[in-house]
Amino acid sequence: MAMMRRCSPLLPSFAFASILMSGIAPVAEASSSDDAQIRALKAEMAEMRREMMGQITHLKSQIAQNETRQRGPASRRATRTTAQNGYKFPEKYADNDVDPNVKFGEQTPRKNILLNNGVGTPPSDRGMTTSWKDFKAATQKDENVHVGGMIIGFPKGRFTVASEDGAYGLSIGLAFHEDFGGFMGMSPRRGETKGDFSSFTENARRLRIPFTFRYKDWVANITPDFGSGSADGSDGLYEANLNYTGLHNTILTVGYFQPRVTEEDSESSNDFEMMERPAITDIVRNIAAGDARFSVGGLHYEKRWWIAGYFTGQTFGNRAKDTNIGDSQTGGTFRVAGRPYVSKDIDVHLGLSAISAFKVNDGTNGRTYTFKEAPEVNLTTTALLNTGALRNIGSVWSAGPELGFRWKKLVLKGEYYHIGVTRNQQQGGQSLPSLSFEGYYGAANYTLFGKPRMYNEKEGAFSAPGVEHEFDPAHGYWGALELSGRYSVADFDDTANSVRGGRQTVWSGGVNWYPNRHFRVMLDFNHFIVTRNSQAYNILGRDGNSVAARVQAAF
C-alpha cells in the first residue's frame, strides 16, 4: 500500500488500483472472519479514489492552461483586453477558462467576462434586429457565460439568452425616459386661455421594454410602451413586427413598426441631441410613419450609403376610432442617404426623405387632417402650433433634403421639408385649393469629453457620444459630456387660403451627461415664439420658455 501511495502518475495509479480492486473483491467475499481487515481495505481504496479524482481535476486544469498558452501572446493579450477601451479583464479569467474549484463530474461554465460593459454608446430603444451572423459575433465578443449549452450575457448591452450557435435567442431591453420641469412666462393675455403650461410637472416620456425573439435570420420584435405621448401614464405599443435579416446588410419588415424617414427619425431616441425632435421632423414623420405604424418594406445599408422604403397603413389602435373602419389610411415612405466624403476626422452626410399619405382616414367628419405640435418639450398637452381640422383632404405629402457634417468632436446638421396638402371638391363641385407649409432646423453639437458622435452606417444617421471610461471620479474618469444647440422653425400659416396654424420658432440649448453607456442625464432650455393662429389660447401670439430635465436608462 505504501508503494501505491508513492506512485504519482495518474494512469499507472488508476491501472494498479483497478487490478487490486478486481483481486480483492473475491477475497473479501470469501473471508467472512476478517471483517476488520476488509473495512481497512475499503477505507484504503476510498482514499485512493479521492486522490485520483483530485489528480484528474488538476490535470484538466493544466491541459486548459497549456491550450491557452499555445494560442500565443497575441491571443492572451486579446483575451485580457477589449478593443474598444483597453481595460484589463480580471486575471483569474485571463489565462484559464476552467474553474479549478468545480468538483469532478460537475459542468464547468466557460466564461468571457467583460469587466467594463458600461463603455460604449447607448443601446437602441428598439428591438435588436440584426442578422444571425452579426448576432453570433456579438454574443461571442461581449459579456457572456456558457452554461448547459446556452449563452447568457449582454451583447450590445442588452440581456440575452441564446443557444450555443445563436440560432435561438431571446433579448429583453429597456428604454426609460422620465421628464420633469416646467414653463416660465406663459401668463395669458386678455381673451386668451392659458393652456396646459405648468410651472412644474413630470411625464413618463418612454417606458419601453423591447422583447426580441430570434430563430436564425428570422426576428420578431414586440415592444410595449407604458409612457408614450405627453400625458403621463399613457400606455401603448411601440412596435410588433416580423423581420428577415438573411440578405446582406438588409432588413425586411412587416407589422407595426417605425419606418425610418428623416435623419432625426432614423436616430434612436436614446441618441437624441435634445430631448425632443425638431417640430418639423416630428410633424413630417407622423404623416405616414411614426411609432407603431403598420408597415411593409425594408432597408439596406453599406459603408457609404443607406436606402429604405415602406408601404404604410394606420397606427396601432387608430382603426378602432373610425366609424368607417373599412377605409383606412394608406401611404408610403422613402429615404436615401450617403456619405460622399469620409476620413478619420470628417464625415459628410447627404440625404433625401419623402413621405405621403395617399389616402387619409375616412372618419366621422369625412377625410380630415390636423397639423399640430407642442413647443419641442413634451411636458404639455397644448399645441400652440395647430391648424385645426383641415377638411376634404385628398392626400398629404412632404419631401426635403438632409445635410450633416462632422469634424472631430463637432457635429453640424440640418433638414428642410416642404409639406403639400391636396383637397377634394366640396359638395356642389367647388374646387378647393391645395395648401403649402414648410419647416427647417439647424443644430450644432460638441463633445467636451468622451468619444465624439460618430456616423452609424446601419441607421444612416449620427449616434450618441461614446463613453471611453465610465464614471469613476477616484481615477479621474467622468463618462462623456456634450453640449447641443438648435434653431427650429415650423410654418403652418397659409394666409392666401385662410389657414392660420401659426409659425413656431424655437431656440434650444442643452447639456447631456453619460456616466456610462446605460444611463444619461439631460437638461434642456427652450425659448419659443409662436405667431397668432386660430386657437383661443394663441389669438395674438405667444412667447414662452421651458426648462426640462430627463433621466434615461437604456439596456
Protein backbone atom coordinates (compact mmCIF):
# COMPACT_ATOMS: atom_id res chain seq x y z
CA MET A 1 0.00 0.00 0.00
CA ALA A 2 2.86 2.34 0.77
CA MET A 3 4.23 1.71 -2.70
CA MET A 4 0.86 2.58 -4.29
CA ARG A 5 0.70 5.89 -2.39
CA ARG A 6 4.16 6.85 -3.69
CA CYS A 7 3.01 6.23 -7.29
CA SER A 8 2.07 9.72 -8.54
CA PRO A 9 1.44 9.33 -12.30
CA LEU A 10 -2.30 9.20 -12.96
CA LEU A 11 -2.56 6.29 -15.42
CA PRO A 12 -0.32 3.76 -13.55
CA SER A 13 -2.15 4.54 -10.32
CA PHE A 14 -5.50 4.02 -11.97
CA ALA A 15 -4.42 0.70 -13.62
CA PHE A 16 -2.86 -0.67 -10.45
CA ALA A 17 -5.93 0.27 -8.40
CA SER A 18 -8.19 -1.49 -10.93
CA ILE A 19 -6.14 -4.72 -10.69
CA LEU A 20 -6.11 -4.53 -6.92
CA MET A 21 -9.87 -3.97 -6.73
CA SER A 22 -10.58 -6.90 -9.07
CA GLY A 23 -8.40 -9.18 -6.96
CA ILE A 24 -9.59 -8.10 -3.55
CA ALA A 25 -13.31 -8.39 -4.18
CA PRO A 26 -13.40 -12.22 -4.19
CA VAL A 27 -11.11 -12.39 -1.17
CA ALA A 28 -13.43 -10.03 0.74
CA GLU A 29 -16.41 -12.21 -0.07
CA ALA A 30 -14.57 -15.44 0.86
CA SER A 31 -13.05 -14.25 4.16
CA SER A 32 -16.00 -13.61 6.41
CA SER A 33 -13.85 -14.00 9.55
CA ASP A 34 -11.67 -10.96 8.96
CA ASP A 35 -14.18 -8.03 8.89
CA ALA A 36 -11.72 -5.56 10.33
CA GLN A 37 -9.23 -6.18 7.51
CA ILE A 38 -11.94 -5.77 4.87
CA ARG A 39 -13.06 -2.45 6.37
CA ALA A 40 -9.46 -1.26 6.38
CA LEU A 41 -9.01 -2.24 2.74
CA LYS A 42 -12.23 -0.42 1.74
CA ALA A 43 -11.12 2.74 3.54
CA GLU A 44 -7.77 2.50 1.80
CA MET A 45 -9.46 2.19 -1.63
CA ALA A 46 -11.76 5.17 -0.91
CA GLU A 47 -8.74 7.29 -0.04
CA MET A 48 -7.04 6.25 -3.27
CA ARG A 49 -10.13 7.15 -5.27
CA ARG A 50 -10.25 10.64 -3.77
CA GLU A 51 -6.59 11.16 -4.62
CA MET A 52 -7.15 10.04 -8.23
CA MET A 53 -10.15 12.36 -8.65
CA GLY A 54 -8.05 15.25 -7.41
CA GLN A 55 -5.31 14.38 -9.91
CA ILE A 56 -7.84 14.20 -12.76
CA THR A 57 -9.24 17.66 -11.88
CA HIS A 58 -5.71 19.09 -11.65
CA LEU A 59 -4.75 17.52 -14.98
CA LYS A 60 -7.83 19.04 -16.70
CA SER A 61 -6.82 22.44 -15.38
CA GLN A 62 -3.24 22.01 -16.67
CA ILE A 63 -4.49 20.94 -20.11
CA ALA A 64 -6.70 24.03 -20.35
CA GLN A 65 -3.78 26.29 -19.35
CA ASN A 66 -1.48 24.67 -21.93
CA GLU A 67 -4.08 25.14 -24.69
CA THR A 68 -4.38 28.81 -23.79
CA ARG A 69 -0.59 29.29 -23.81
CA GLN A 70 -0.31 27.58 -27.19
CA ARG A 71 -2.53 30.25 -28.74
CA GLY A 72 0.38 32.68 -28.36
CA PRO A 73 0.97 36.02 -26.64
CA ALA A 74 -1.27 37.95 -29.07
CA SER A 75 -4.22 35.73 -28.23
CA ARG A 76 -3.67 36.16 -24.50
CA ARG A 77 -3.47 39.91 -24.90
CA ALA A 78 -6.76 39.84 -26.83
CA THR A 79 -8.31 37.78 -24.03
CA ARG A 80 -7.17 40.21 -21.38
CA THR A 81 -8.33 43.40 -23.10
CA THR A 82 -11.18 44.74 -25.21
CA ALA A 83 -10.51 46.55 -28.48
CA GLN A 84 -12.95 49.30 -27.63
CA ASN A 85 -11.48 50.53 -24.35
CA GLY A 86 -8.25 48.82 -23.37
CA TYR A 87 -9.47 47.80 -19.91
CA LYS A 88 -7.96 44.67 -18.34
CA PHE A 89 -10.01 41.61 -17.54
CA PRO A 90 -9.72 40.01 -14.10
CA GLU A 91 -6.54 37.92 -14.10
CA LYS A 92 -8.34 34.82 -12.82
CA TYR A 93 -10.14 34.62 -16.19
CA ALA A 94 -7.27 35.78 -18.41
CA ASP A 95 -5.33 32.56 -18.93
CA ASN A 96 -7.73 29.84 -17.83
CA ASP A 97 -11.27 29.12 -18.90
CA VAL A 98 -11.63 26.30 -16.33
CA ASP A 99 -12.58 27.00 -12.73
CA PRO A 100 -10.38 24.69 -10.57
CA ASN A 101 -12.91 24.87 -7.73
CA VAL A 102 -15.54 22.98 -9.72
CA LYS A 103 -15.83 19.42 -8.44
CA PHE A 104 -15.17 16.49 -10.74
CA GLY A 105 -18.27 15.43 -12.64
CA GLU A 106 -19.92 18.86 -12.48
CA GLN A 107 -20.31 21.06 -15.55
CA THR A 108 -17.64 23.74 -15.84
CA PRO A 109 -19.11 27.04 -17.13
CA ARG A 110 -16.94 28.78 -19.74
CA LYS A 111 -16.69 32.48 -19.01
CA ASN A 112 -15.84 35.53 -21.08
CA ILE A 113 -16.43 38.37 -18.65
CA LEU A 114 -16.34 41.95 -19.93
CA LEU A 115 -15.41 43.92 -16.84
CA ASN A 116 -16.44 47.33 -18.18
CA ASN A 117 -19.63 46.86 -20.18
CA GLY A 118 -20.61 50.45 -19.38
CA VAL A 119 -18.17 51.59 -22.08
CA GLY A 120 -19.58 52.50 -25.50
CA THR A 121 -22.71 54.11 -26.92
CA PRO A 122 -26.26 53.58 -25.55
CA PRO A 123 -28.23 50.52 -26.72
CA SER A 124 -31.12 51.26 -29.07
CA ASP A 125 -34.68 51.95 -27.91
CA ARG A 126 -35.87 49.33 -30.43
CA GLY A 127 -35.75 45.57 -30.82
CA MET A 128 -32.33 44.09 -31.64
CA THR A 129 -32.90 43.35 -35.34
CA THR A 130 -29.56 42.01 -36.55
CA SER A 131 -28.57 39.21 -38.89
CA TRP A 132 -27.75 35.78 -37.49
CA LYS A 133 -24.09 36.35 -38.39
CA ASP A 134 -23.90 39.69 -36.53
CA PHE A 135 -25.82 38.29 -33.57
CA LYS A 136 -23.38 35.38 -33.19
CA ALA A 137 -20.43 37.74 -33.41
CA ALA A 138 -21.93 39.98 -30.70
CA THR A 139 -22.61 37.10 -28.32
CA GLN A 140 -19.05 35.79 -28.78
CA LYS A 141 -17.20 39.03 -28.11
CA ASP A 142 -19.38 40.62 -25.42
CA GLU A 143 -20.07 39.65 -21.82
CA ASN A 144 -21.46 36.12 -21.62
CA VAL A 145 -21.46 32.90 -19.65
CA HIS A 146 -21.82 29.47 -21.31
CA VAL A 147 -23.97 27.14 -19.21
CA GLY A 148 -25.74 23.97 -20.29
CA GLY A 149 -25.29 24.64 -24.00
CA MET A 150 -26.78 28.17 -23.63
CA ILE A 151 -25.16 31.61 -23.80
CA ILE A 152 -26.31 34.11 -21.18
CA GLY A 153 -24.94 37.62 -21.49
CA PHE A 154 -25.27 41.22 -22.63
CA PRO A 155 -24.39 41.56 -26.33
CA LYS A 156 -24.57 45.25 -27.26
CA GLY A 157 -25.54 45.96 -23.63
CA ARG A 158 -28.85 44.05 -23.74
CA PHE A 159 -29.71 40.95 -21.67
CA THR A 160 -29.82 37.95 -23.99
CA VAL A 161 -30.24 34.20 -23.68
CA ALA A 162 -29.21 32.26 -26.78
CA SER A 163 -28.37 28.76 -27.90
CA GLU A 164 -24.67 27.91 -28.36
CA ASP A 165 -24.84 28.56 -32.12
CA GLY A 166 -27.01 31.67 -31.72
CA ALA A 167 -29.85 30.16 -33.76
CA TYR A 168 -32.36 30.64 -30.94
CA GLY A 169 -32.29 33.82 -28.94
CA LEU A 170 -34.37 35.98 -26.61
CA SER A 171 -33.33 39.55 -25.77
CA ILE A 172 -35.02 41.87 -23.29
CA GLY A 173 -34.17 45.58 -23.22
CA LEU A 174 -35.27 48.82 -21.62
CA ALA A 175 -35.75 52.41 -22.76
CA PHE A 176 -36.70 54.51 -19.72
CA HIS A 177 -37.13 58.27 -20.17
CA GLU A 178 -38.56 60.26 -17.27
CA ASP A 179 -39.01 64.02 -17.87
CA PHE A 180 -39.62 66.78 -15.37
CA GLY A 181 -39.57 70.57 -15.48
CA GLY A 182 -41.89 73.43 -16.33
CA PHE A 183 -42.70 76.65 -18.20
CA MET A 184 -41.99 80.31 -17.50
CA GLY A 185 -43.57 83.49 -18.87
CA MET A 186 -46.78 81.81 -20.05
CA SER A 187 -49.38 84.12 -18.49
CA PRO A 188 -52.35 84.55 -20.85
CA ARG A 189 -53.42 87.90 -22.20
CA ARG A 190 -56.96 89.22 -22.37
CA GLY A 191 -59.21 86.94 -24.35
CA GLU A 192 -56.78 84.01 -24.29
CA THR A 193 -56.83 80.68 -22.49
CA LYS A 194 -53.59 79.84 -20.70
CA GLY A 195 -53.41 76.24 -21.83
CA ASP A 196 -51.51 73.40 -20.17
CA PHE A 197 -48.27 75.14 -19.14
CA SER A 198 -47.46 74.17 -15.54
CA SER A 199 -44.56 75.75 -13.69
CA PHE A 200 -43.52 72.25 -12.63
CA THR A 201 -44.74 68.87 -13.84
CA GLU A 202 -43.45 65.48 -14.93
CA ASN A 203 -44.04 62.98 -17.70
CA ALA A 204 -43.10 59.35 -18.28
CA ARG A 205 -41.99 60.04 -21.85
CA ARG A 206 -40.91 56.49 -22.76
CA LEU A 207 -41.15 53.28 -20.76
CA ARG A 208 -40.37 50.72 -23.44
CA ILE A 209 -39.46 47.08 -22.86
CA PRO A 210 -38.23 45.61 -26.16
CA PHE A 211 -38.63 41.83 -26.49
CA THR A 212 -36.74 40.25 -29.39
CA PHE A 213 -37.36 36.62 -30.34
CA ARG A 214 -34.92 35.07 -32.81
CA TYR A 215 -34.60 31.92 -34.88
CA LYS A 216 -31.55 32.25 -37.11
CA ASP A 217 -32.28 35.14 -39.52
CA TRP A 218 -35.96 35.43 -38.54
CA VAL A 219 -36.57 38.02 -35.84
CA ALA A 220 -39.80 39.09 -34.10
CA ASN A 221 -39.91 42.31 -32.06
CA ILE A 222 -42.63 43.20 -29.57
CA THR A 223 -42.16 46.45 -27.64
CA PRO A 224 -44.91 47.78 -25.37
CA ASP A 225 -44.62 51.40 -24.28
CA PHE A 226 -46.06 52.44 -20.92
CA GLY A 227 -45.12 56.10 -21.24
CA SER A 228 -45.91 57.17 -24.81
CA GLY A 229 -47.08 60.70 -25.57
CA SER A 230 -47.22 63.84 -23.45
CA ALA A 231 -49.83 62.64 -20.94
CA ASP A 232 -48.16 60.81 -18.05
CA GLY A 233 -49.20 57.16 -17.88
CA SER A 234 -50.42 56.79 -21.46
CA ASP A 235 -50.00 53.10 -22.37
CA GLY A 236 -49.44 51.98 -25.93
CA LEU A 237 -47.43 49.89 -28.37
CA TYR A 238 -44.18 50.96 -29.96
CA GLU A 239 -43.67 48.00 -32.30
CA ALA A 240 -44.79 44.44 -33.09
CA ASN A 241 -43.19 43.14 -36.26
CA LEU A 242 -41.57 40.22 -38.07
CA ASN A 243 -38.19 40.71 -39.77
CA TYR A 244 -35.97 38.72 -42.12
CA THR A 245 -32.24 39.52 -41.99
CA GLY A 246 -30.76 36.75 -44.17
CA LEU A 247 -29.85 39.07 -47.05
CA HIS A 248 -26.58 41.02 -46.91
CA ASN A 249 -26.98 44.21 -44.82
CA THR A 250 -30.74 44.11 -45.43
CA ILE A 251 -33.73 44.04 -43.06
CA LEU A 252 -37.18 43.21 -44.44
CA THR A 253 -40.08 44.07 -42.14
CA VAL A 254 -43.83 43.56 -41.84
CA GLY A 255 -46.01 44.62 -38.92
CA TYR A 256 -46.28 47.56 -36.56
CA PHE A 257 -43.03 49.43 -36.94
CA GLN A 258 -41.39 52.86 -37.03
CA PRO A 259 -40.45 53.38 -40.71
CA ARG A 260 -37.23 55.37 -40.92
CA VAL A 261 -37.77 58.77 -42.54
CA THR A 262 -35.72 61.97 -41.92
CA GLU A 263 -32.30 61.90 -40.26
CA GLU A 264 -33.69 62.72 -36.80
CA ASP A 265 -36.31 59.99 -37.04
CA SER A 266 -33.68 57.42 -38.04
CA GLU A 267 -31.80 58.00 -34.79
CA SER A 268 -32.75 56.06 -31.67
CA SER A 269 -34.37 58.29 -29.06
CA ASN A 270 -31.55 57.20 -26.75
CA ASP A 271 -29.19 59.11 -29.08
CA PHE A 272 -31.08 62.42 -29.45
CA GLU A 273 -29.08 65.62 -29.05
CA MET A 274 -32.09 67.36 -27.46
CA MET A 275 -34.96 65.84 -25.51
CA GLU A 276 -37.35 66.05 -28.48
CA ARG A 277 -37.07 66.12 -32.26
CA PRO A 278 -37.44 69.45 -34.10
CA ALA A 279 -41.12 70.24 -34.65
CA ILE A 280 -40.96 69.93 -38.44
CA THR A 281 -39.42 66.43 -38.46
CA ASP A 282 -41.94 65.18 -35.90
CA ILE A 283 -44.82 66.53 -37.99
CA VAL A 284 -43.41 65.10 -41.22
CA ARG A 285 -42.83 61.60 -39.86
CA ASN A 286 -46.37 61.37 -38.50
CA ILE A 287 -47.91 61.93 -41.95
CA ALA A 288 -47.46 58.25 -42.81
CA ALA A 289 -44.82 56.88 -40.43
CA GLY A 290 -44.16 57.42 -36.71
CA ASP A 291 -44.39 54.87 -33.89
CA ALA A 292 -46.41 51.65 -34.27
CA ARG A 293 -47.32 52.30 -37.92
CA PHE A 294 -48.33 49.24 -39.94
CA SER A 295 -45.53 48.85 -42.46
CA VAL A 296 -44.29 46.54 -45.19
CA GLY A 297 -40.85 47.21 -46.62
CA GLY A 298 -37.16 47.13 -45.91
CA LEU A 299 -33.84 48.87 -45.67
CA HIS A 300 -30.35 48.22 -47.00
CA TYR A 301 -27.06 49.77 -45.95
CA GLU A 302 -23.41 49.80 -46.94
CA LYS A 303 -20.45 51.72 -45.56
CA ARG A 304 -21.13 54.72 -47.79
CA TRP A 305 -24.89 54.67 -48.47
CA TRP A 306 -28.28 53.78 -46.98
CA ILE A 307 -31.76 53.31 -48.54
CA ALA A 308 -35.22 52.35 -47.24
CA GLY A 309 -38.82 52.29 -48.42
CA TYR A 310 -42.09 51.20 -46.83
CA PHE A 311 -45.76 50.92 -47.71
CA THR A 312 -47.71 52.01 -44.62
CA GLY A 313 -51.21 51.92 -43.15
CA GLN A 314 -52.64 53.21 -39.90
CA THR A 315 -51.01 53.39 -36.48
CA PHE A 316 -51.86 50.82 -33.83
CA GLY A 317 -55.32 51.44 -32.36
CA ASN A 318 -56.45 54.09 -34.85
CA ARG A 319 -58.65 51.78 -36.90
CA ALA A 320 -60.99 51.24 -33.94
CA LYS A 321 -61.51 55.01 -33.65
CA ASP A 322 -63.02 55.39 -37.12
CA THR A 323 -66.69 54.86 -37.89
CA ASN A 324 -65.91 53.91 -41.49
CA ILE A 325 -63.39 51.26 -40.49
CA GLY A 326 -63.34 49.70 -43.95
CA ASP A 327 -61.45 52.70 -45.40
CA SER A 328 -58.16 53.08 -43.55
CA GLN A 329 -55.22 55.32 -44.32
CA THR A 330 -52.60 54.18 -46.80
CA GLY A 331 -49.26 55.78 -47.54
CA GLY A 332 -45.58 55.28 -48.10
CA THR A 333 -42.09 56.46 -47.13
CA PHE A 334 -38.75 56.67 -48.92
CA ARG A 335 -35.34 57.72 -47.67
CA VAL A 336 -31.87 57.59 -49.23
CA ALA A 337 -28.67 58.81 -47.59
CA GLY A 338 -24.97 58.66 -48.26
CA ARG A 339 -21.51 59.78 -47.16
CA PRO A 340 -19.73 61.32 -50.15
CA TYR A 341 -16.62 62.01 -48.06
CA VAL A 342 -15.25 60.06 -45.08
CA SER A 343 -11.98 60.32 -43.17
CA LYS A 344 -10.79 59.81 -39.62
CA ASP A 345 -11.85 63.31 -38.57
CA ILE A 346 -14.56 64.11 -41.13
CA ASP A 347 -17.96 62.70 -42.07
CA VAL A 348 -20.20 64.34 -44.69
CA HIS A 349 -23.85 63.23 -44.76
CA LEU A 350 -26.32 63.95 -47.59
CA GLY A 351 -29.83 62.57 -47.73
CA LEU A 352 -33.34 62.92 -49.10
CA SER A 353 -36.58 61.91 -47.39
CA ALA A 354 -40.09 61.73 -48.83
CA ILE A 355 -43.38 60.64 -47.30
CA SER A 356 -47.02 60.63 -48.40
CA ALA A 357 -50.45 59.67 -47.12
CA PHE A 358 -52.06 58.68 -50.39
CA LYS A 359 -55.43 58.45 -48.65
CA VAL A 360 -56.15 59.62 -45.10
CA ASN A 361 -58.65 58.07 -42.70
CA ASP A 362 -62.34 58.45 -43.52
CA GLY A 363 -63.83 59.24 -40.12
CA THR A 364 -66.99 60.77 -38.68
CA ASN A 365 -66.29 64.15 -40.29
CA GLY A 366 -65.02 62.71 -43.57
CA ARG A 367 -61.38 62.85 -44.61
CA THR A 368 -59.77 65.40 -42.30
CA TYR A 369 -56.22 66.07 -41.20
CA THR A 370 -54.76 68.25 -38.41
CA PHE A 371 -51.21 69.55 -38.12
CA LYS A 372 -50.25 70.35 -34.53
CA GLU A 373 -47.16 70.23 -32.35
CA ALA A 374 -46.03 71.15 -28.83
CA PRO A 375 -43.12 73.64 -28.43
CA GLU A 376 -40.47 70.86 -28.58
CA VAL A 377 -40.89 69.70 -24.99
CA ASN A 378 -43.44 67.04 -24.04
CA LEU A 379 -44.49 68.46 -20.69
CA THR A 380 -47.70 69.93 -22.11
CA THR A 381 -50.77 68.66 -23.94
CA THR A 382 -51.32 72.10 -25.53
CA ALA A 383 -50.11 72.54 -29.10
CA LEU A 384 -49.53 76.22 -29.87
CA LEU A 385 -48.83 75.22 -33.46
CA ASN A 386 -52.25 74.00 -34.63
CA THR A 387 -54.06 74.24 -37.97
CA GLY A 388 -57.31 72.76 -36.67
CA ALA A 389 -59.07 70.07 -38.70
CA LEU A 390 -58.50 70.57 -42.43
CA ARG A 391 -61.44 69.07 -44.36
CA ASN A 392 -61.90 67.31 -47.68
CA ILE A 393 -58.34 66.02 -47.79
CA GLY A 394 -57.20 64.15 -50.87
CA SER A 395 -53.58 63.45 -49.92
CA VAL A 396 -50.75 64.80 -47.75
CA TRP A 397 -47.10 64.64 -48.76
CA SER A 398 -43.72 66.01 -47.78
CA ALA A 399 -40.16 65.92 -49.13
CA GLY A 400 -36.85 67.57 -48.36
CA PRO A 401 -33.06 67.30 -48.08
CA GLU A 402 -30.82 66.31 -45.17
CA LEU A 403 -27.32 67.62 -44.51
CA GLY A 404 -24.81 66.63 -41.84
CA PHE A 405 -21.15 67.31 -41.17
CA ARG A 406 -18.74 66.04 -38.51
CA TRP A 407 -15.31 67.47 -37.87
CA LYS A 408 -13.56 65.71 -34.98
CA LYS A 409 -15.83 66.35 -31.96
CA LEU A 410 -18.13 68.87 -33.67
CA VAL A 411 -21.33 67.75 -35.45
CA LEU A 412 -23.48 70.11 -37.55
CA LYS A 413 -26.72 69.01 -39.20
CA GLY A 414 -29.96 70.37 -40.62
CA GLU A 415 -33.06 69.45 -42.64
CA TYR A 416 -35.72 71.28 -44.65
CA TYR A 417 -39.18 69.95 -45.54
CA HIS A 418 -42.00 71.21 -47.71
CA ILE A 419 -45.49 69.87 -46.97
CA GLY A 420 -48.26 69.79 -49.53
CA VAL A 421 -51.96 69.10 -48.98
CA THR A 422 -54.29 68.31 -51.88
CA ARG A 423 -58.04 68.56 -51.31
CA ASN A 424 -61.12 67.07 -52.93
CA GLN A 425 -64.02 69.08 -54.29
CA GLN A 426 -66.76 70.18 -51.91
CA GLN A 427 -70.38 69.31 -52.50
CA GLY A 428 -71.63 71.27 -55.47
CA GLY A 429 -68.39 70.83 -57.38
CA GLN A 430 -66.48 73.77 -55.89
CA SER A 431 -62.77 73.20 -56.20
CA LEU A 432 -60.69 73.61 -53.01
CA PRO A 433 -57.14 74.99 -53.29
CA SER A 434 -54.10 72.97 -52.29
CA LEU A 435 -52.21 74.04 -49.18
CA SER A 436 -48.47 74.51 -48.60
CA PHE A 437 -46.47 74.54 -45.37
CA GLU A 438 -42.76 74.30 -44.56
CA GLY A 439 -40.18 73.98 -41.81
CA TYR A 440 -36.49 73.51 -41.13
CA TYR A 441 -33.86 73.35 -38.41
CA GLY A 442 -30.12 73.66 -37.87
CA ALA A 443 -28.28 72.03 -34.96
CA ALA A 444 -24.75 72.00 -33.54
CA ASN A 445 -23.24 69.55 -31.06
CA TYR A 446 -19.83 69.38 -29.41
CA THR A 447 -18.45 66.57 -27.23
CA LEU A 448 -16.43 68.03 -24.36
CA PHE A 449 -15.08 64.67 -23.18
CA GLY A 450 -15.71 61.12 -24.26
CA LYS A 451 -15.72 59.70 -27.76
CA PRO A 452 -17.48 62.13 -30.16
CA ARG A 453 -20.68 61.41 -32.03
CA MET A 454 -19.89 59.13 -34.96
CA TYR A 455 -21.78 58.10 -38.06
CA ASN A 456 -23.92 54.97 -37.70
CA GLU A 457 -23.97 53.34 -41.13
CA LYS A 458 -26.77 50.95 -40.09
CA GLU A 459 -29.11 53.89 -39.42
CA GLY A 460 -27.77 56.43 -41.89
CA ALA A 461 -27.56 58.92 -39.02
CA PHE A 462 -25.29 60.12 -36.21
CA SER A 463 -25.11 58.18 -32.95
CA ALA A 464 -24.66 59.32 -29.35
CA PRO A 465 -21.19 60.01 -27.90
CA GLY A 466 -19.21 57.01 -26.70
CA VAL A 467 -18.13 56.52 -23.11
CA GLU A 468 -14.42 55.68 -23.18
CA HIS A 469 -14.05 55.47 -19.38
CA GLU A 470 -17.19 55.06 -17.31
CA PHE A 471 -17.79 57.31 -14.30
CA ASP A 472 -15.04 56.73 -11.73
CA PRO A 473 -14.01 60.03 -10.12
CA ALA A 474 -11.46 58.31 -7.88
CA HIS A 475 -9.38 57.66 -11.00
CA GLY A 476 -10.33 60.86 -12.85
CA TYR A 477 -12.95 59.34 -15.18
CA TRP A 478 -16.23 61.19 -15.74
CA GLY A 479 -18.00 59.39 -18.59
CA ALA A 480 -18.99 61.59 -21.56
CA LEU A 481 -20.35 65.14 -21.75
CA GLU A 482 -21.75 67.07 -24.72
CA LEU A 483 -23.28 70.47 -25.46
CA SER A 484 -26.06 70.99 -28.04
CA GLY A 485 -27.81 73.96 -29.62
CA ARG A 486 -30.62 74.16 -32.18
CA TYR A 487 -32.70 76.67 -34.14
CA SER A 488 -36.02 75.34 -35.40
CA VAL A 489 -38.87 76.81 -37.49
CA ALA A 490 -42.23 75.28 -38.46
CA ASP A 491 -44.57 77.50 -40.50
CA PHE A 492 -48.22 76.38 -40.83
CA ASP A 493 -49.71 79.62 -41.99
CA ASP A 494 -51.22 79.65 -45.49
CA THR A 495 -52.96 83.01 -45.29
CA ALA A 496 -53.78 83.04 -49.02
CA ASN A 497 -56.11 80.10 -48.35
CA SER A 498 -57.34 81.27 -44.93
CA VAL A 499 -55.37 78.75 -42.88
CA ARG A 500 -53.64 80.05 -39.74
CA GLY A 501 -51.84 77.25 -37.99
CA GLY A 502 -49.14 79.55 -36.64
CA ARG A 503 -45.43 79.94 -37.18
CA GLN A 504 -43.33 78.47 -34.38
CA THR A 505 -39.67 79.35 -33.78
CA VAL A 506 -37.69 77.60 -31.04
CA TRP A 507 -34.21 78.40 -29.76
CA SER A 508 -32.83 75.47 -27.77
CA GLY A 509 -29.73 74.70 -25.74
CA GLY A 510 -28.85 71.61 -23.77
CA VAL A 511 -26.21 69.59 -21.97
CA ASN A 512 -26.08 65.77 -21.80
CA TRP A 513 -24.00 63.68 -19.38
CA TYR A 514 -23.37 59.95 -19.79
CA PRO A 515 -21.81 58.34 -16.68
CA ASN A 516 -21.75 55.09 -18.68
CA ARG A 517 -23.39 53.73 -21.81
CA HIS A 518 -26.58 52.73 -19.99
CA PHE A 519 -27.52 55.98 -18.25
CA ARG A 520 -27.87 59.63 -19.27
CA VAL A 521 -28.97 62.89 -17.68
CA MET A 522 -30.25 65.66 -19.99
CA LEU A 523 -31.00 69.33 -19.30
CA ASP A 524 -32.70 71.50 -21.97
CA PHE A 525 -33.73 75.15 -22.19
CA ASN A 526 -36.20 76.25 -24.90
CA HIS A 527 -37.30 79.75 -25.84
CA PHE A 528 -40.23 79.61 -28.23
CA ILE A 529 -42.08 82.25 -30.25
CA VAL A 530 -45.41 81.38 -31.88
CA THR A 531 -47.27 83.82 -34.12
CA ARG A 532 -51.02 84.05 -33.88
CA ASN A 533 -53.26 81.28 -35.05
CA SER A 534 -56.96 80.46 -34.85
CA GLN A 535 -56.82 78.85 -31.40
CA ALA A 536 -58.28 80.53 -28.32
CA TYR A 537 -55.03 80.20 -26.33
CA ASN A 538 -52.97 81.95 -29.00
CA ILE A 539 -55.05 84.58 -30.75
CA LEU A 540 -52.36 87.26 -30.68
CA GLY A 541 -49.26 85.07 -30.48
CA ARG A 542 -47.41 83.62 -27.55
CA ASP A 543 -43.82 83.65 -26.31
CA GLY A 544 -42.53 81.42 -23.55
CA ASN A 545 -39.68 79.45 -22.02
CA SER A 546 -39.25 75.94 -20.73
CA VAL A 547 -36.63 74.24 -18.58
CA ALA A 548 -36.75 70.47 -18.56
CA ALA A 549 -34.59 67.55 -17.49
CA ARG A 550 -34.59 63.86 -18.37
CA VAL A 551 -33.15 60.81 -16.67
CA GLN A 552 -32.57 57.95 -19.10
CA ALA A 553 -31.79 54.26 -18.72
CA ALA A 554 -31.03 52.15 -21.79
CA PHE A 555 -30.39 48.39 -21.94
